[in-house]
Amino acid sequence: MMKQDARTTDRLSHVPAELGSAQSKLVYLTLEATGGATATDLTELLNMQKLSVLSVLSSLEGEDLIEQSESEYVIAN
């Protein structure tokens, strides 16, 4: 059981400390896993309201954690 906990911690250690809310972590990790997504894609994938997704995206973009590439949002380099 201890090994499983260590693996989970290792996978989540790259989540930026600035991400305080569960929604921002969820959106960030989804963008990381998919390599990029539109707001509509995120709305459907995460079963969130589009206004909530747009708010989270705006916040993440303001913190320079993600960037918009045409219509898709991606993790900032």
N, C-alpha and C. Protein backbone atom coordinates (compact mmCIF):
# COMPACT_ATOMS: atom_id res chain seq x y z
N MET A 1 0.82 -1.20 0.00
CA MET A 1 0.00 0.00 0.00
C MET A 1 0.86 1.25 0.00
N MET A 2 1.98 1.21 0.66
CA MET A 2 2.86 2.37 0.75
C MET A 2 3.37 2.78 -0.63
N LYS A 3 3.69 1.81 -1.49
CA LYS A 3 4.20 2.13 -2.82
C LYS A 3 3.16 2.88 -3.64
N GLN A 4 1.91 2.51 -3.54
CA GLN A 4 0.86 3.19 -4.29
C GLN A 4 0.76 4.64 -3.86
N ASP A 5 0.83 4.91 -2.57
CA ASP A 5 0.78 6.28 -2.08
C ASP A 5 1.96 7.09 -2.60
N ALA A 6 3.14 6.49 -2.65
CA ALA A 6 4.32 7.18 -3.15
C ALA A 6 4.17 7.52 -4.62
N ARG A 7 3.61 6.61 -5.40
CA ARG A 7 3.41 6.88 -6.83
C ARG A 7 2.42 8.01 -7.04
N THR A 8 1.36 8.03 -6.28
CA THR A 8 0.37 9.10 -6.40
C THR A 8 1.01 10.43 -6.08
N THR A 9 1.79 10.50 -5.03
CA THR A 9 2.46 11.73 -4.64
C THR A 9 3.42 12.18 -5.73
N ASP A 10 4.17 11.24 -6.32
CA ASP A 10 5.11 11.58 -7.38
C ASP A 10 4.39 12.17 -8.58
N ARG A 11 3.26 11.61 -8.93
CA ARG A 11 2.53 12.10 -10.10
C ARG A 11 1.97 13.49 -9.86
N LEU A 12 1.57 13.78 -8.65
CA LEU A 12 0.95 15.07 -8.36
C LEU A 12 1.95 16.12 -7.89
N SER A 13 3.21 15.78 -7.78
CA SER A 13 4.20 16.73 -7.29
C SER A 13 4.46 17.86 -8.28
N HIS A 14 4.10 17.68 -9.53
CA HIS A 14 4.33 18.71 -10.53
C HIS A 14 3.18 19.72 -10.63
N VAL A 15 2.14 19.55 -9.85
CA VAL A 15 1.03 20.50 -9.87
C VAL A 15 1.50 21.78 -9.21
N PRO A 16 1.41 22.91 -9.90
CA PRO A 16 1.88 24.17 -9.32
C PRO A 16 1.20 24.50 -7.99
N ALA A 17 1.97 25.02 -7.08
CA ALA A 17 1.46 25.36 -5.74
C ALA A 17 0.39 26.44 -5.80
N GLU A 18 0.39 27.27 -6.85
CA GLU A 18 -0.58 28.35 -6.98
C GLU A 18 -2.01 27.84 -7.16
N LEU A 19 -2.15 26.59 -7.54
CA LEU A 19 -3.47 26.03 -7.79
C LEU A 19 -4.13 25.67 -6.47
N GLY A 20 -5.03 26.52 -6.03
CA GLY A 20 -5.66 26.31 -4.74
C GLY A 20 -6.97 25.54 -4.81
N SER A 21 -7.74 25.78 -5.84
CA SER A 21 -9.07 25.16 -5.91
C SER A 21 -9.01 23.81 -6.63
N ALA A 22 -9.95 22.97 -6.30
CA ALA A 22 -10.05 21.66 -6.96
C ALA A 22 -10.32 21.83 -8.45
N GLN A 23 -11.14 22.82 -8.81
CA GLN A 23 -11.46 23.04 -10.22
C GLN A 23 -10.22 23.45 -11.00
N SER A 24 -9.39 24.33 -10.44
CA SER A 24 -8.20 24.76 -11.17
C SER A 24 -7.22 23.60 -11.34
N LYS A 25 -7.10 22.76 -10.33
CA LYS A 25 -6.23 21.58 -10.44
C LYS A 25 -6.77 20.63 -11.50
N LEU A 26 -8.07 20.43 -11.51
CA LEU A 26 -8.70 19.53 -12.47
C LEU A 26 -8.49 20.02 -13.90
N VAL A 27 -8.72 21.30 -14.14
CA VAL A 27 -8.53 21.88 -15.47
C VAL A 27 -7.07 21.79 -15.88
N TYR A 28 -6.17 22.16 -14.99
CA TYR A 28 -4.73 22.13 -15.28
C TYR A 28 -4.29 20.71 -15.64
N LEU A 29 -4.65 19.74 -14.82
CA LEU A 29 -4.24 18.36 -15.08
C LEU A 29 -4.86 17.80 -16.35
N THR A 30 -6.08 18.22 -16.67
CA THR A 30 -6.72 17.78 -17.91
C THR A 30 -5.98 18.35 -19.11
N LEU A 31 -5.60 19.63 -19.04
CA LEU A 31 -4.84 20.22 -20.13
C LEU A 31 -3.49 19.52 -20.30
N GLU A 32 -2.88 19.19 -19.19
CA GLU A 32 -1.60 18.49 -19.24
C GLU A 32 -1.76 17.10 -19.86
N ALA A 33 -2.80 16.40 -19.46
CA ALA A 33 -3.03 15.03 -19.95
C ALA A 33 -3.42 14.99 -21.42
N THR A 34 -4.18 15.98 -21.86
CA THR A 34 -4.67 15.98 -23.25
C THR A 34 -3.73 16.71 -24.21
N GLY A 35 -2.81 17.49 -23.68
CA GLY A 35 -1.92 18.26 -24.54
C GLY A 35 -2.55 19.54 -25.04
N GLY A 36 -3.75 19.84 -24.58
CA GLY A 36 -4.46 21.06 -24.97
C GLY A 36 -5.91 20.77 -25.26
N ALA A 37 -6.75 21.76 -25.01
CA ALA A 37 -8.18 21.57 -25.23
C ALA A 37 -8.85 22.93 -25.35
N THR A 38 -9.99 22.95 -26.01
CA THR A 38 -10.79 24.17 -26.07
C THR A 38 -11.64 24.25 -24.81
N ALA A 39 -12.22 25.42 -24.58
CA ALA A 39 -13.11 25.59 -23.43
C ALA A 39 -14.31 24.65 -23.55
N THR A 40 -14.80 24.47 -24.75
CA THR A 40 -15.93 23.56 -24.97
C THR A 40 -15.53 22.12 -24.66
N ASP A 41 -14.34 21.72 -25.10
CA ASP A 41 -13.85 20.37 -24.79
C ASP A 41 -13.78 20.15 -23.28
N LEU A 42 -13.23 21.13 -22.57
CA LEU A 42 -13.11 21.02 -21.12
C LEU A 42 -14.47 20.94 -20.45
N THR A 43 -15.41 21.73 -20.95
CA THR A 43 -16.77 21.72 -20.42
C THR A 43 -17.37 20.32 -20.51
N GLU A 44 -17.19 19.68 -21.66
CA GLU A 44 -17.74 18.35 -21.88
C GLU A 44 -16.97 17.27 -21.12
N LEU A 45 -15.65 17.35 -21.16
CA LEU A 45 -14.81 16.34 -20.49
C LEU A 45 -15.00 16.34 -18.98
N LEU A 46 -15.10 17.53 -18.41
CA LEU A 46 -15.13 17.66 -16.95
C LEU A 46 -16.53 17.82 -16.38
N ASN A 47 -17.52 17.89 -17.26
CA ASN A 47 -18.91 18.07 -16.83
C ASN A 47 -19.05 19.30 -15.94
N MET A 48 -18.42 20.40 -16.38
CA MET A 48 -18.49 21.67 -15.67
C MET A 48 -19.27 22.67 -16.51
N GLN A 49 -19.81 23.69 -15.87
CA GLN A 49 -20.47 24.75 -16.61
C GLN A 49 -19.41 25.55 -17.37
N LYS A 50 -19.76 26.00 -18.57
CA LYS A 50 -18.80 26.70 -19.40
C LYS A 50 -18.30 27.98 -18.72
N LEU A 51 -19.17 28.69 -18.03
CA LEU A 51 -18.76 29.90 -17.33
C LEU A 51 -17.70 29.59 -16.27
N SER A 52 -17.84 28.48 -15.59
CA SER A 52 -16.85 28.06 -14.58
C SER A 52 -15.52 27.72 -15.25
N VAL A 53 -15.58 27.01 -16.35
CA VAL A 53 -14.37 26.65 -17.09
C VAL A 53 -13.66 27.91 -17.57
N LEU A 54 -14.41 28.84 -18.14
CA LEU A 54 -13.80 30.08 -18.63
C LEU A 54 -13.18 30.89 -17.50
N SER A 55 -13.80 30.90 -16.35
CA SER A 55 -13.26 31.60 -15.19
C SER A 55 -11.94 30.98 -14.74
N VAL A 56 -11.90 29.66 -14.67
CA VAL A 56 -10.67 28.96 -14.28
C VAL A 56 -9.58 29.20 -15.32
N LEU A 57 -9.92 29.11 -16.59
CA LEU A 57 -8.94 29.34 -17.65
C LEU A 57 -8.37 30.75 -17.57
N SER A 58 -9.22 31.72 -17.33
CA SER A 58 -8.77 33.11 -17.20
C SER A 58 -7.80 33.26 -16.03
N SER A 59 -8.12 32.63 -14.92
CA SER A 59 -7.27 32.68 -13.74
C SER A 59 -5.91 32.01 -14.00
N LEU A 60 -5.94 30.84 -14.61
CA LEU A 60 -4.70 30.13 -14.91
C LEU A 60 -3.84 30.90 -15.91
N GLU A 61 -4.50 31.52 -16.88
CA GLU A 61 -3.77 32.31 -17.88
C GLU A 61 -3.17 33.55 -17.22
N GLY A 62 -3.89 34.16 -16.30
CA GLY A 62 -3.40 35.33 -15.58
C GLY A 62 -2.18 35.02 -14.72
N GLU A 63 -2.07 33.78 -14.27
CA GLU A 63 -0.93 33.35 -13.46
C GLU A 63 0.18 32.76 -14.33
N ASP A 64 0.04 32.88 -15.65
CA ASP A 64 1.01 32.38 -16.63
C ASP A 64 1.26 30.88 -16.51
N LEU A 65 0.24 30.14 -16.10
CA LEU A 65 0.35 28.69 -16.02
C LEU A 65 -0.10 28.01 -17.30
N ILE A 66 -0.99 28.67 -18.03
CA ILE A 66 -1.45 28.16 -19.32
C ILE A 66 -1.41 29.31 -20.32
N GLU A 67 -1.53 28.97 -21.58
CA GLU A 67 -1.61 29.99 -22.63
C GLU A 67 -2.60 29.52 -23.69
N GLN A 68 -3.12 30.49 -24.41
CA GLN A 68 -4.08 30.16 -25.46
C GLN A 68 -3.33 30.11 -26.78
N SER A 69 -3.49 29.01 -27.49
CA SER A 69 -2.89 28.82 -28.79
C SER A 69 -4.04 28.64 -29.78
N GLU A 70 -4.36 29.71 -30.48
CA GLU A 70 -5.54 29.77 -31.34
C GLU A 70 -6.77 29.50 -30.48
N SER A 71 -7.52 28.45 -30.71
CA SER A 71 -8.72 28.21 -29.91
C SER A 71 -8.47 27.27 -28.74
N GLU A 72 -7.27 26.68 -28.68
CA GLU A 72 -6.95 25.74 -27.61
C GLU A 72 -6.16 26.39 -26.49
N TYR A 73 -6.34 25.85 -25.31
CA TYR A 73 -5.53 26.24 -24.16
C TYR A 73 -4.52 25.13 -23.92
N VAL A 74 -3.28 25.51 -23.63
CA VAL A 74 -2.21 24.55 -23.39
C VAL A 74 -1.41 24.98 -22.16
N ILE A 75 -0.67 24.05 -21.60
CA ILE A 75 0.21 24.35 -20.47
C ILE A 75 1.32 25.27 -20.97
N ALA A 76 1.61 26.33 -20.22
CA ALA A 76 2.66 27.27 -20.60
C ALA A 76 4.02 26.61 -20.42
N ASN A 77 4.93 26.97 -21.30
CA ASN A 77 6.30 26.41 -21.22
C ASN A 77 7.12 27.14 -20.22
